[in-house]
Amino acid sequence: MFRRAFWFTAGAAAGVWATTKVNRKLRQLTPESLAAQAANKAIETGHRLKDFALDVRSGMAQREAELGDALGIEGPADRGLPAQRRRAALENHKHHKKHYEMLDEKRSYNRNEDH
């Protein structure tokens, strides 16, 4: 009698355990769960890439400083555009802005014009 009760209990426990495992795996394979897992992996990868880029940037700055010291060159004070190129860029921007303003003036906004 005890033997049958033991095996009955063991079988029921194994069935509950297997059912729980299967249901858990099925929940992991739903589209929503897969999308959430993919999003988490993408975020983790983005953080790793950002950390890598920051490490590379700091290593580059350190090596540049070492080379500057070795060669007796001081680093550039301003990394902006030189004055001539900056002026040209601003003039080019003004030219494009005027061009688009002229196009806007030529456009007619009459809705009935096409009909």
C-alpha atoms as a PDB file:
ATOM      1  CA  MET A   1       0.000   0.000   0.000  1.00  0.00           C
ATOM      2  CA  PHE A   2       2.743   2.431   0.925  1.00  0.00           C
ATOM      3  CA  ARG A   3       4.594   1.613  -2.241  1.00  0.00           C
ATOM      4  CA  ARG A   4       1.613   2.577  -4.396  1.00  0.00           C
ATOM      5  CA  ALA A   5       1.058   5.792  -2.432  1.00  0.00           C
ATOM      6  CA  PHE A   6       4.734   6.696  -2.797  1.00  0.00           C
ATOM      7  CA  TRP A   7       4.751   6.184  -6.587  1.00  0.00           C
ATOM      8  CA  PHE A   8       1.414   7.944  -6.963  1.00  0.00           C
ATOM      9  CA  THR A   9       2.778  10.975  -5.063  1.00  0.00           C
ATOM     10  CA  ALA A  10       6.056  10.904  -6.992  1.00  0.00           C
ATOM     11  CA  GLY A  11       4.156  10.772 -10.313  1.00  0.00           C
ATOM     12  CA  ALA A  12       1.866  13.621  -9.315  1.00  0.00           C
ATOM     13  CA  ALA A  13       4.829  15.748  -8.220  1.00  0.00           C
ATOM     14  CA  ALA A  14       6.659  15.000 -11.484  1.00  0.00           C
ATOM     15  CA  GLY A  15       3.527  15.927 -13.451  1.00  0.00           C
ATOM     16  CA  VAL A  16       3.165  19.235 -11.598  1.00  0.00           C
ATOM     17  CA  TRP A  17       6.866  19.986 -12.067  1.00  0.00           C
ATOM     18  CA  ALA A  18       6.734  19.161 -15.813  1.00  0.00           C
ATOM     19  CA  THR A  19       3.549  21.193 -16.320  1.00  0.00           C
ATOM     20  CA  THR A  20       5.099  24.177 -14.560  1.00  0.00           C
ATOM     21  CA  LYS A  21       8.257  23.933 -16.693  1.00  0.00           C
ATOM     22  CA  VAL A  22       6.285  23.660 -19.938  1.00  0.00           C
ATOM     23  CA  ASN A  23       4.017  26.599 -19.059  1.00  0.00           C
ATOM     24  CA  ARG A  24       7.022  28.730 -18.106  1.00  0.00           C
ATOM     25  CA  LYS A  25       8.740  27.915 -21.420  1.00  0.00           C
ATOM     26  CA  LEU A  26       5.551  28.660 -23.368  1.00  0.00           C
ATOM     27  CA  ARG A  27       5.297  32.066 -21.681  1.00  0.00           C
ATOM     28  CA  GLN A  28       8.894  32.782 -22.672  1.00  0.00           C
ATOM     29  CA  LEU A  29       8.072  32.033 -26.315  1.00  0.00           C
ATOM     30  CA  THR A  30       5.121  34.398 -26.680  1.00  0.00           C
ATOM     31  CA  PRO A  31       5.652  37.282 -29.134  1.00  0.00           C
ATOM     32  CA  GLU A  32       5.469  39.870 -26.345  1.00  0.00           C
ATOM     33  CA  SER A  33       8.084  38.049 -24.289  1.00  0.00           C
ATOM     34  CA  LEU A  34      10.375  37.588 -27.294  1.00  0.00           C
ATOM     35  CA  ALA A  35      10.050  41.290 -28.148  1.00  0.00           C
ATOM     36  CA  ALA A  36      10.879  42.260 -24.573  1.00  0.00           C
ATOM     37  CA  GLN A  37      13.920  39.960 -24.561  1.00  0.00           C
ATOM     38  CA  ALA A  38      15.123  41.424 -27.868  1.00  0.00           C
ATOM     39  CA  ALA A  39      14.653  44.965 -26.555  1.00  0.00           C
ATOM     40  CA  ASN A  40      16.613  44.150 -23.405  1.00  0.00           C
ATOM     41  CA  LYS A  41      19.451  42.643 -25.456  1.00  0.00           C
ATOM     42  CA  ALA A  42      19.493  45.703 -27.737  1.00  0.00           C
ATOM     43  CA  ILE A  43      19.679  48.057 -24.764  1.00  0.00           C
ATOM     44  CA  GLU A  44      22.457  45.985 -23.196  1.00  0.00           C
ATOM     45  CA  THR A  45      24.378  45.989 -26.494  1.00  0.00           C
ATOM     46  CA  GLY A  46      23.936  49.750 -26.789  1.00  0.00           C
ATOM     47  CA  HIS A  47      25.361  50.263 -23.315  1.00  0.00           C
ATOM     48  CA  ARG A  48      28.331  48.039 -24.136  1.00  0.00           C
ATOM     49  CA  LEU A  49      28.983  49.924 -27.383  1.00  0.00           C
ATOM     50  CA  LYS A  50      28.761  53.252 -25.574  1.00  0.00           C
ATOM     51  CA  ASP A  51      31.234  52.071 -22.931  1.00  0.00           C
ATOM     52  CA  PHE A  52      33.562  50.815 -25.660  1.00  0.00           C
ATOM     53  CA  ALA A  53      33.374  54.129 -27.525  1.00  0.00           C
ATOM     54  CA  LEU A  54      34.119  56.055 -24.329  1.00  0.00           C
ATOM     55  CA  ASP A  55      37.102  53.796 -23.605  1.00  0.00           C
ATOM     56  CA  VAL A  56      38.425  54.281 -27.141  1.00  0.00           C
ATOM     57  CA  ARG A  57      37.941  58.048 -26.919  1.00  0.00           C
ATOM     58  CA  SER A  58      39.767  58.296 -23.585  1.00  0.00           C
ATOM     59  CA  GLY A  59      42.568  56.062 -24.909  1.00  0.00           C
ATOM     60  CA  MET A  60      42.889  58.252 -27.995  1.00  0.00           C
ATOM     61  CA  ALA A  61      43.068  61.409 -25.884  1.00  0.00           C
ATOM     62  CA  GLN A  62      45.672  59.838 -23.611  1.00  0.00           C
ATOM     63  CA  ARG A  63      47.788  58.654 -26.544  1.00  0.00           C
ATOM     64  CA  GLU A  64      47.464  62.037 -28.259  1.00  0.00           C
ATOM     65  CA  ALA A  65      48.690  63.737 -25.095  1.00  0.00           C
ATOM     66  CA  GLU A  66      51.612  61.294 -24.852  1.00  0.00           C
ATOM     67  CA  LEU A  67      52.581  61.942 -28.470  1.00  0.00           C
ATOM     68  CA  GLY A  68      52.202  65.690 -27.984  1.00  0.00           C
ATOM     69  CA  ASP A  69      54.518  65.564 -24.977  1.00  0.00           C
ATOM     70  CA  ALA A  70      57.031  63.386 -26.810  1.00  0.00           C
ATOM     71  CA  LEU A  71      57.093  65.655 -29.859  1.00  0.00           C
ATOM     72  CA  GLY A  72      56.850  68.916 -27.926  1.00  0.00           C
ATOM     73  CA  ILE A  73      53.581  69.861 -29.593  1.00  0.00           C
ATOM     74  CA  GLU A  74      50.736  71.382 -27.658  1.00  0.00           C
ATOM     75  CA  GLY A  75      47.222  70.274 -28.528  1.00  0.00           C
ATOM     76  CA  PRO A  76      44.907  72.533 -30.491  1.00  0.00           C
ATOM     77  CA  ALA A  77      43.253  75.146 -28.297  1.00  0.00           C
ATOM     78  CA  ASP A  78      40.047  75.367 -30.344  1.00  0.00           C
ATOM     79  CA  ARG A  79      38.659  72.504 -32.371  1.00  0.00           C
ATOM     80  CA  GLY A  80      36.089  74.702 -34.131  1.00  0.00           C
ATOM     81  CA  LEU A  81      36.240  75.724 -37.770  1.00  0.00           C
ATOM     82  CA  PRO A  82      38.908  78.223 -38.773  1.00  0.00           C
ATOM     83  CA  ALA A  83      37.580  81.766 -39.187  1.00  0.00           C
ATOM     84  CA  GLN A  84      37.533  81.683 -43.014  1.00  0.00           C
ATOM     85  CA  ARG A  85      35.744  78.353 -43.214  1.00  0.00           C
ATOM     86  CA  ARG A  86      33.304  79.389 -40.486  1.00  0.00           C
ATOM     87  CA  ARG A  87      32.438  82.580 -42.386  1.00  0.00           C
ATOM     88  CA  ALA A  88      31.941  80.583 -45.601  1.00  0.00           C
ATOM     89  CA  ALA A  89      29.691  78.117 -43.800  1.00  0.00           C
ATOM     90  CA  LEU A  90      27.559  80.937 -42.385  1.00  0.00           C
ATOM     91  CA  GLU A  91      27.273  82.624 -45.783  1.00  0.00           C
ATOM     92  CA  ASN A  92      26.301  79.312 -47.383  1.00  0.00           C
ATOM     93  CA  HIS A  93      23.609  78.856 -44.719  1.00  0.00           C
ATOM     94  CA  LYS A  94      22.262  82.375 -45.401  1.00  0.00           C
ATOM     95  CA  HIS A  95      22.213  81.663 -49.145  1.00  0.00           C
ATOM     96  CA  HIS A  96      20.183  78.480 -48.657  1.00  0.00           C
ATOM     97  CA  LYS A  97      17.822  80.233 -46.276  1.00  0.00           C
ATOM     98  CA  LYS A  98      17.172  83.020 -48.846  1.00  0.00           C
ATOM     99  CA  HIS A  99      16.664  80.419 -51.583  1.00  0.00           C
ATOM    100  CA  TYR A 100      13.984  78.599 -49.561  1.00  0.00           C
ATOM    101  CA  GLU A 101      12.303  81.902 -48.631  1.00  0.00           C
ATOM    102  CA  MET A 102      12.085  82.762 -52.336  1.00  0.00           C
ATOM    103  CA  LEU A 103      10.537  79.374 -53.076  1.00  0.00           C
ATOM    104  CA  ASP A 104       7.968  79.919 -50.335  1.00  0.00           C
ATOM    105  CA  GLU A 105       7.032  83.311 -51.833  1.00  0.00           C
ATOM    106  CA  LYS A 106       6.520  81.747 -55.275  1.00  0.00           C
ATOM    107  CA  ARG A 107       4.285  78.977 -53.979  1.00  0.00           C
ATOM    108  CA  SER A 108       0.587  79.530 -54.053  1.00  0.00           C
ATOM    109  CA  TYR A 109      -1.429  78.058 -51.253  1.00  0.00           C
ATOM    110  CA  ASN A 110      -4.770  78.279 -53.013  1.00  0.00           C
ATOM    111  CA  ARG A 111      -6.414  74.895 -52.502  1.00  0.00           C
ATOM    112  CA  ASN A 112      -8.641  75.329 -55.556  1.00  0.00           C
ATOM    113  CA  GLU A 113      -5.775  75.972 -57.942  1.00  0.00           C
ATOM    114  CA  ASP A 114      -5.275  72.303 -58.846  1.00  0.00           C
ATOM    115  CA  HIS A 115      -8.939  71.736 -59.729  1.00  0.00           C
END
